């Protein structure tokens, strides 16, 4: 029984991004306004699974390749 409990990991929480600001100026790459808009539009409204807010930021950063300046979201209850 103890072995079963140790293998249990709580389900990740679900978050829906409502507002986001990326740090598009932190890289040497220039990204035009059109492509910035695409990245923002693909992020807002999407449901993300993460352990907590810090993990959510990490998930989005890894998926988009851009650091986040600010983030607003809501929890999605199953």
PDB file of N, CA and C in Angstrom:
ATOM      1  N   UNK A   1       0.820  -1.186   0.000  1.00  0.00           N
ATOM      2  CA  UNK A   1       0.000   0.000   0.000  1.00  0.00           C
ATOM      3  C   UNK A   1       0.872   1.261   0.000  1.00  0.00           C
ATOM      4  N   UNK A   2       1.932   1.269   0.762  1.00  0.00           N
ATOM      5  CA  UNK A   2       2.820   2.427   0.802  1.00  0.00           C
ATOM      6  C   UNK A   2       3.405   2.693  -0.579  1.00  0.00           C
ATOM      7  N   UNK A   3       3.747   1.613  -1.283  1.00  0.00           N
ATOM      8  CA  UNK A   3       4.284   1.769  -2.636  1.00  0.00           C
ATOM      9  C   UNK A   3       3.274   2.466  -3.544  1.00  0.00           C
ATOM     10  N   UNK A   4       1.998   2.147  -3.402  1.00  0.00           N
ATOM     11  CA  UNK A   4       0.951   2.775  -4.207  1.00  0.00           C
ATOM     12  C   UNK A   4       0.829   4.263  -3.879  1.00  0.00           C
ATOM     13  N   UNK A   5       0.949   4.599  -2.615  1.00  0.00           N
ATOM     14  CA  UNK A   5       0.854   6.002  -2.219  1.00  0.00           C
ATOM     15  C   UNK A   5       2.032   6.809  -2.739  1.00  0.00           C
ATOM     16  N   UNK A   6       3.203   6.221  -2.767  1.00  0.00           N
ATOM     17  CA  UNK A   6       4.377   6.927  -3.238  1.00  0.00           C
ATOM     18  C   UNK A   6       4.298   7.194  -4.736  1.00  0.00           C
ATOM     19  N   UNK A   7       3.612   6.358  -5.476  1.00  0.00           N
ATOM     20  CA  UNK A   7       3.480   6.544  -6.912  1.00  0.00           C
ATOM     21  C   UNK A   7       2.395   7.552  -7.266  1.00  0.00           C
ATOM     22  N   UNK A   8       1.556   7.892  -6.322  1.00  0.00           N
ATOM     23  CA  UNK A   8       0.474   8.838  -6.572  1.00  0.00           C
ATOM     24  C   UNK A   8       1.044  10.247  -6.735  1.00  0.00           C
ATOM     25  N   UNK A   9       0.666  10.877  -7.808  1.00  0.00           N
ATOM     26  CA  UNK A   9       1.015  12.287  -7.967  1.00  0.00           C
ATOM     27  C   UNK A   9      -0.279  13.037  -8.238  1.00  0.00           C
ATOM     28  N   UNK A  10      -0.489  14.132  -7.551  1.00  0.00           N
ATOM     29  CA  UNK A  10      -1.747  14.852  -7.727  1.00  0.00           C
ATOM     30  C   UNK A  10      -1.873  15.367  -9.154  1.00  0.00           C
ATOM     31  N   UNK A  11      -3.089  15.430  -9.640  1.00  0.00           N
ATOM     32  CA  UNK A  11      -3.282  15.927 -11.012  1.00  0.00           C
ATOM     33  C   UNK A  11      -2.863  17.391 -11.099  1.00  0.00           C
ATOM     34  N   UNK A  12      -2.376  17.772 -12.265  1.00  0.00           N
ATOM     35  CA  UNK A  12      -1.986  19.155 -12.453  1.00  0.00           C
ATOM     36  C   UNK A  12      -3.229  20.029 -12.554  1.00  0.00           C
ATOM     37  N   UNK A  13      -3.069  21.273 -12.135  1.00  0.00           N
ATOM     38  CA  UNK A  13      -4.164  22.229 -12.232  1.00  0.00           C
ATOM     39  C   UNK A  13      -4.254  22.726 -13.673  1.00  0.00           C
ATOM     40  N   UNK A  14      -5.421  23.205 -14.029  1.00  0.00           N
ATOM     41  CA  UNK A  14      -5.626  23.758 -15.362  1.00  0.00           C
ATOM     42  C   UNK A  14      -5.788  25.272 -15.246  1.00  0.00           C
ATOM     43  N   UNK A  15      -5.115  25.979 -16.148  1.00  0.00           N
ATOM     44  CA  UNK A  15      -5.141  27.432 -16.175  1.00  0.00           C
ATOM     45  C   UNK A  15      -5.538  27.899 -17.574  1.00  0.00           C
ATOM     46  N   UNK A  16      -6.300  28.965 -17.627  1.00  0.00           N
ATOM     47  CA  UNK A  16      -6.595  29.599 -18.911  1.00  0.00           C
ATOM     48  C   UNK A  16      -6.011  31.009 -18.873  1.00  0.00           C
ATOM     49  N   UNK A  17      -5.135  31.284 -19.808  1.00  0.00           N
ATOM     50  CA  UNK A  17      -4.482  32.590 -19.875  1.00  0.00           C
ATOM     51  C   UNK A  17      -5.483  33.615 -20.388  1.00  0.00           C
ATOM     52  N   UNK A  18      -5.629  34.728 -19.649  1.00  0.00           N
ATOM     53  CA  UNK A  18      -6.542  35.794 -20.059  1.00  0.00           C
ATOM     54  C   UNK A  18      -5.790  37.017 -20.579  1.00  0.00           C
ATOM     55  N   UNK A  19      -4.598  37.258 -20.094  1.00  0.00           N
ATOM     56  CA  UNK A  19      -3.745  38.357 -20.555  1.00  0.00           C
ATOM     57  C   UNK A  19      -2.300  37.920 -20.405  1.00  0.00           C
ATOM     58  N   UNK A  20      -1.455  38.340 -21.351  1.00  0.00           N
ATOM     59  CA  UNK A  20      -0.040  37.995 -21.256  1.00  0.00           C
ATOM     60  C   UNK A  20       0.794  39.071 -21.952  1.00  0.00           C
ATOM     61  N   UNK A  21       1.935  39.347 -21.382  1.00  0.00           N
ATOM     62  CA  UNK A  21       2.897  40.254 -21.999  1.00  0.00           C
ATOM     63  C   UNK A  21       4.241  39.543 -22.023  1.00  0.00           C
ATOM     64  N   UNK A  22       4.765  39.360 -23.211  1.00  0.00           N
ATOM     65  CA  UNK A  22       6.060  38.708 -23.376  1.00  0.00           C
ATOM     66  C   UNK A  22       7.175  39.750 -23.417  1.00  0.00           C
ATOM     67  N   UNK A  23       8.365  39.325 -23.086  1.00  0.00           N
ATOM     68  CA  UNK A  23       9.548  40.178 -23.170  1.00  0.00           C
ATOM     69  C   UNK A  23      10.191  39.956 -24.536  1.00  0.00           C
ATOM     70  N   UNK A  24       9.578  40.523 -25.560  1.00  0.00           N
ATOM     71  CA  UNK A  24      10.077  40.345 -26.917  1.00  0.00           C
ATOM     72  C   UNK A  24      11.381  41.104 -27.168  1.00  0.00           C
ATOM     73  N   UNK A  25      11.761  41.980 -26.268  1.00  0.00           N
ATOM     74  CA  UNK A  25      12.966  42.785 -26.455  1.00  0.00           C
ATOM     75  C   UNK A  25      14.184  42.198 -25.763  1.00  0.00           C
ATOM     76  N   UNK A  26      14.045  41.053 -25.129  1.00  0.00           N
ATOM     77  CA  UNK A  26      15.149  40.479 -24.355  1.00  0.00           C
ATOM     78  C   UNK A  26      16.124  39.680 -25.208  1.00  0.00           C
ATOM     79  N   UNK A  27      15.810  39.474 -26.451  1.00  0.00           N
ATOM     80  CA  UNK A  27      16.640  38.646 -27.320  1.00  0.00           C
ATOM     81  C   UNK A  27      17.218  39.504 -28.442  1.00  0.00           C
ATOM     82  N   UNK A  28      18.274  39.039 -29.050  1.00  0.00           N
ATOM     83  CA  UNK A  28      18.865  39.752 -30.178  1.00  0.00           C
ATOM     84  C   UNK A  28      18.004  39.641 -31.430  1.00  0.00           C
ATOM     85  N   UNK A  29      17.120  38.674 -31.452  1.00  0.00           N
ATOM     86  CA  UNK A  29      16.230  38.487 -32.603  1.00  0.00           C
ATOM     87  C   UNK A  29      15.180  39.586 -32.643  1.00  0.00           C
ATOM     88  N   UNK A  30      14.923  40.090 -33.819  1.00  0.00           N
ATOM     89  CA  UNK A  30      13.838  41.046 -34.016  1.00  0.00           C
ATOM     90  C   UNK A  30      12.592  40.261 -34.421  1.00  0.00           C
ATOM     91  N   UNK A  31      11.494  40.564 -33.778  1.00  0.00           N
ATOM     92  CA  UNK A  31      10.240  39.909 -34.108  1.00  0.00           C
ATOM     93  C   UNK A  31       9.234  40.998 -34.462  1.00  0.00           C
ATOM     94  N   UNK A  32       8.686  40.942 -35.647  1.00  0.00           N
ATOM     95  CA  UNK A  32       7.769  41.992 -36.073  1.00  0.00           C
ATOM     96  C   UNK A  32       6.431  41.886 -35.341  1.00  0.00           C
ATOM     97  N   UNK A  33       5.655  42.949 -35.433  1.00  0.00           N
ATOM     98  CA  UNK A  33       4.381  43.037 -34.722  1.00  0.00           C
ATOM     99  C   UNK A  33       3.419  41.925 -35.135  1.00  0.00           C
ATOM    100  N   UNK A  34       3.426  41.533 -36.395  1.00  0.00           N
ATOM    101  CA  UNK A  34       2.544  40.471 -36.862  1.00  0.00           C
ATOM    102  C   UNK A  34       2.841  39.162 -36.132  1.00  0.00           C
ATOM    103  N   UNK A  35       4.111  38.777 -36.075  1.00  0.00           N
ATOM    104  CA  UNK A  35       4.490  37.522 -35.414  1.00  0.00           C
ATOM    105  C   UNK A  35       4.329  37.597 -33.900  1.00  0.00           C
ATOM    106  N   UNK A  36       4.526  38.776 -33.329  1.00  0.00           N
ATOM    107  CA  UNK A  36       4.247  38.945 -31.889  1.00  0.00           C
ATOM    108  C   UNK A  36       2.776  38.689 -31.619  1.00  0.00           C
ATOM    109  N   UNK A  37       1.924  39.232 -32.483  1.00  0.00           N
ATOM    110  CA  UNK A  37       0.484  39.034 -32.331  1.00  0.00           C
ATOM    111  C   UNK A  37       0.079  37.580 -32.435  1.00  0.00           C
ATOM    112  N   UNK A  38       0.711  36.850 -33.332  1.00  0.00           N
ATOM    113  CA  UNK A  38       0.415  35.428 -33.480  1.00  0.00           C
ATOM    114  C   UNK A  38       0.744  34.677 -32.187  1.00  0.00           C
ATOM    115  N   UNK A  39       1.912  34.945 -31.618  1.00  0.00           N
ATOM    116  CA  UNK A  39       2.322  34.264 -30.380  1.00  0.00           C
ATOM    117  C   UNK A  39       1.351  34.595 -29.245  1.00  0.00           C
ATOM    118  N   UNK A  40       0.996  35.854 -29.129  1.00  0.00           N
ATOM    119  CA  UNK A  40       0.062  36.263 -28.069  1.00  0.00           C
ATOM    120  C   UNK A  40      -1.303  35.613 -28.282  1.00  0.00           C
ATOM    121  N   UNK A  41      -1.815  35.667 -29.506  1.00  0.00           N
ATOM    122  CA  UNK A  41      -3.136  35.096 -29.805  1.00  0.00           C
ATOM    123  C   UNK A  41      -3.176  33.588 -29.570  1.00  0.00           C
ATOM    124  N   UNK A  42      -2.067  32.897 -29.836  1.00  0.00           N
ATOM    125  CA  UNK A  42      -2.033  31.445 -29.623  1.00  0.00           C
ATOM    126  C   UNK A  42      -1.920  31.084 -28.147  1.00  0.00           C
ATOM    127  N   UNK A  43      -1.531  32.036 -27.323  1.00  0.00           N
ATOM    128  CA  UNK A  43      -1.368  31.782 -25.894  1.00  0.00           C
ATOM    129  C   UNK A  43      -2.628  32.120 -25.105  1.00  0.00           C
ATOM    130  N   UNK A  44      -3.235  33.268 -25.429  1.00  0.00           N
ATOM    131  CA  UNK A  44      -4.435  33.711 -24.709  1.00  0.00           C
ATOM    132  C   UNK A  44      -5.597  32.781 -25.044  1.00  0.00           C
ATOM    133  N   UNK A  45      -6.302  32.382 -24.003  1.00  0.00           N
ATOM    134  CA  UNK A  45      -7.457  31.511 -24.166  1.00  0.00           C
ATOM    135  C   UNK A  45      -7.118  30.035 -24.113  1.00  0.00           C
ATOM    136  N   UNK A  46      -5.873  29.702 -24.325  1.00  0.00           N
ATOM    137  CA  UNK A  46      -5.466  28.292 -24.302  1.00  0.00           C
ATOM    138  C   UNK A  46      -5.493  27.759 -22.870  1.00  0.00           C
ATOM    139  N   UNK A  47      -5.820  26.498 -22.737  1.00  0.00           N
ATOM    140  CA  UNK A  47      -5.799  25.826 -21.439  1.00  0.00           C
ATOM    141  C   UNK A  47      -4.420  25.203 -21.260  1.00  0.00           C
ATOM    142  N   UNK A  48      -3.783  25.522 -20.139  1.00  0.00           N
ATOM    143  CA  UNK A  48      -2.449  25.012 -19.816  1.00  0.00           C
ATOM    144  C   UNK A  48      -2.536  24.186 -18.545  1.00  0.00           C
ATOM    145  N   UNK A  49      -1.807  23.091 -18.494  1.00  0.00           N
ATOM    146  CA  UNK A  49      -1.726  22.276 -17.283  1.00  0.00           C
ATOM    147  C   UNK A  49      -0.392  22.544 -16.615  1.00  0.00           C
ATOM    148  N   UNK A  50      -0.455  22.824 -15.309  1.00  0.00           N
ATOM    149  CA  UNK A  50       0.756  23.123 -14.554  1.00  0.00           C
ATOM    150  C   UNK A  50       0.506  22.846 -13.083  1.00  0.00           C
ATOM    151  N   UNK A  51       1.603  22.722 -12.331  1.00  0.00           N
ATOM    152  CA  UNK A  51       1.506  22.461 -10.892  1.00  0.00           C
ATOM    153  C   UNK A  51       1.096  23.704 -10.113  1.00  0.00           C
ATOM    154  N   UNK A  52       1.571  24.871 -10.555  1.00  0.00           N
ATOM    155  CA  UNK A  52       1.302  26.137  -9.881  1.00  0.00           C
ATOM    156  C   UNK A  52       1.636  27.275 -10.843  1.00  0.00           C
ATOM    157  N   UNK A  53       1.563  28.512 -10.361  1.00  0.00           N
ATOM    158  CA  UNK A  53       1.807  29.667 -11.231  1.00  0.00           C
ATOM    159  C   UNK A  53       3.238  29.660 -11.784  1.00  0.00           C
ATOM    160  N   UNK A  54       4.191  29.326 -10.958  1.00  0.00           N
ATOM    161  CA  UNK A  54       5.585  29.285 -11.412  1.00  0.00           C
ATOM    162  C   UNK A  54       5.772  28.257 -12.526  1.00  0.00           C
ATOM    163  N   UNK A  55       5.151  27.106 -12.368  1.00  0.00           N
ATOM    164  CA  UNK A  55       5.227  26.069 -13.393  1.00  0.00           C
ATOM    165  C   UNK A  55       4.492  26.507 -14.658  1.00  0.00           C
ATOM    166  N   UNK A  56       3.397  27.245 -14.505  1.00  0.00           N
ATOM    167  CA  UNK A  56       2.662  27.770 -15.664  1.00  0.00           C
ATOM    168  C   UNK A  56       3.553  28.699 -16.484  1.00  0.00           C
ATOM    169  N   UNK A  57       4.257  29.594 -15.817  1.00  0.00           N
ATOM    170  CA  UNK A  57       5.177  30.504 -16.507  1.00  0.00           C
ATOM    171  C   UNK A  57       6.239  29.704 -17.247  1.00  0.00           C
ATOM    172  N   UNK A  58       6.767  28.683 -16.603  1.00  0.00           N
ATOM    173  CA  UNK A  58       7.796  27.843 -17.224  1.00  0.00           C
ATOM    174  C   UNK A  58       7.243  27.102 -18.450  1.00  0.00           C
ATOM    175  N   UNK A  59       6.036  26.575 -18.336  1.00  0.00           N
ATOM    176  CA  UNK A  59       5.414  25.863 -19.458  1.00  0.00           C
ATOM    177  C   UNK A  59       5.232  26.778 -20.664  1.00  0.00           C
ATOM    178  N   UNK A  60       4.722  27.982 -20.423  1.00  0.00           N
ATOM    179  CA  UNK A  60       4.485  28.915 -21.525  1.00  0.00           C
ATOM    180  C   UNK A  60       5.804  29.384 -22.130  1.00  0.00           C
ATOM    181  N   UNK A  61       6.781  29.664 -21.278  1.00  0.00           N
ATOM    182  CA  UNK A  61       8.093  30.091 -21.761  1.00  0.00           C
ATOM    183  C   UNK A  61       8.729  29.012 -22.633  1.00  0.00           C
ATOM    184  N   UNK A  62       8.653  27.780 -22.199  1.00  0.00           N
ATOM    185  CA  UNK A  62       9.221  26.672 -22.988  1.00  0.00           C
ATOM    186  C   UNK A  62       8.473  26.485 -24.304  1.00  0.00           C
ATOM    187  N   UNK A  63       7.161  26.635 -24.279  1.00  0.00           N
ATOM    188  CA  UNK A  63       6.358  26.414 -25.485  1.00  0.00           C
ATOM    189  C   UNK A  63       6.549  27.531 -26.518  1.00  0.00           C
ATOM    190  N   UNK A  64       6.728  28.763 -26.050  1.00  0.00           N
ATOM    191  CA  UNK A  64       6.817  29.887 -26.984  1.00  0.00           C
ATOM    192  C   UNK A  64       8.257  30.298 -27.283  1.00  0.00           C
ATOM    193  N   UNK A  65       9.151  30.029 -26.349  1.00  0.00           N
ATOM    194  CA  UNK A  65      10.533  30.461 -26.513  1.00  0.00           C
ATOM    195  C   UNK A  65      10.771  31.892 -26.058  1.00  0.00           C
ATOM    196  N   UNK A  66       9.785  32.505 -25.403  1.00  0.00           N
ATOM    197  CA  UNK A  66       9.904  33.888 -24.948  1.00  0.00           C
ATOM    198  C   UNK A  66       9.617  33.993 -23.461  1.00  0.00           C
ATOM    199  N   UNK A  67      10.361  34.842 -22.767  1.00  0.00           N
ATOM    200  CA  UNK A  67      10.123  35.096 -21.346  1.00  0.00           C
ATOM    201  C   UNK A  67       8.845  35.924 -21.196  1.00  0.00           C
ATOM    202  N   UNK A  68       8.263  35.843 -20.018  1.00  0.00           N
ATOM    203  CA  UNK A  68       6.997  36.512 -19.746  1.00  0.00           C
ATOM    204  C   UNK A  68       7.234  37.675 -18.796  1.00  0.00           C
ATOM    205  N   UNK A  69       6.695  38.844 -19.159  1.00  0.00           N
ATOM    206  CA  UNK A  69       6.767  40.027 -18.290  1.00  0.00           C
ATOM    207  C   UNK A  69       5.606  40.034 -17.296  1.00  0.00           C
ATOM    208  N   UNK A  70       4.405  39.749 -17.789  1.00  0.00           N
ATOM    209  CA  UNK A  70       3.236  39.718 -16.914  1.00  0.00           C
ATOM    210  C   UNK A  70       2.239  38.691 -17.440  1.00  0.00           C
ATOM    211  N   UNK A  71       1.437  38.181 -16.510  1.00  0.00           N
ATOM    212  CA  UNK A  71       0.522  37.092 -16.838  1.00  0.00           C
ATOM    213  C   UNK A  71      -0.713  37.169 -15.951  1.00  0.00           C
ATOM    214  N   UNK A  72      -1.874  37.090 -16.562  1.00  0.00           N
ATOM    215  CA  UNK A  72      -3.133  36.939 -15.845  1.00  0.00           C
ATOM    216  C   UNK A  72      -3.787  35.662 -16.344  1.00  0.00           C
ATOM    217  N   UNK A  73      -4.461  34.977 -15.447  1.00  0.00           N
ATOM    218  CA  UNK A  73      -5.063  33.691 -15.799  1.00  0.00           C
ATOM    219  C   UNK A  73      -6.216  33.419 -14.860  1.00  0.00           C
ATOM    220  N   UNK A  74      -6.965  32.397 -15.190  1.00  0.00           N
ATOM    221  CA  UNK A  74      -7.988  31.899 -14.277  1.00  0.00           C
ATOM    222  C   UNK A  74      -7.839  30.393 -14.167  1.00  0.00           C
ATOM    223  N   UNK A  75      -8.220  29.888 -12.997  1.00  0.00           N
ATOM    224  CA  UNK A  75      -8.184  28.440 -12.772  1.00  0.00           C
ATOM    225  C   UNK A  75      -9.403  27.818 -13.440  1.00  0.00           C
ATOM    226  N   UNK A  76      -9.191  26.703 -14.089  1.00  0.00           N
ATOM    227  CA  UNK A  76     -10.290  25.958 -14.701  1.00  0.00           C
ATOM    228  C   UNK A  76     -10.574  24.764 -13.800  1.00  0.00           C
ATOM    229  N   UNK A  77     -11.781  24.706 -13.320  1.00  0.00           N
ATOM    230  CA  UNK A  77     -12.180  23.597 -12.454  1.00  0.00           C
ATOM    231  C   UNK A  77     -12.743  22.472 -13.315  1.00  0.00           C
ATOM    232  N   UNK A  78     -12.340  21.274 -13.010  1.00  0.00           N
ATOM    233  CA  UNK A  78     -12.815  20.124 -13.808  1.00  0.00           C
ATOM    234  C   UNK A  78     -14.203  19.735 -13.419  1.00  0.00           C
TER     235      UNK A  78
END
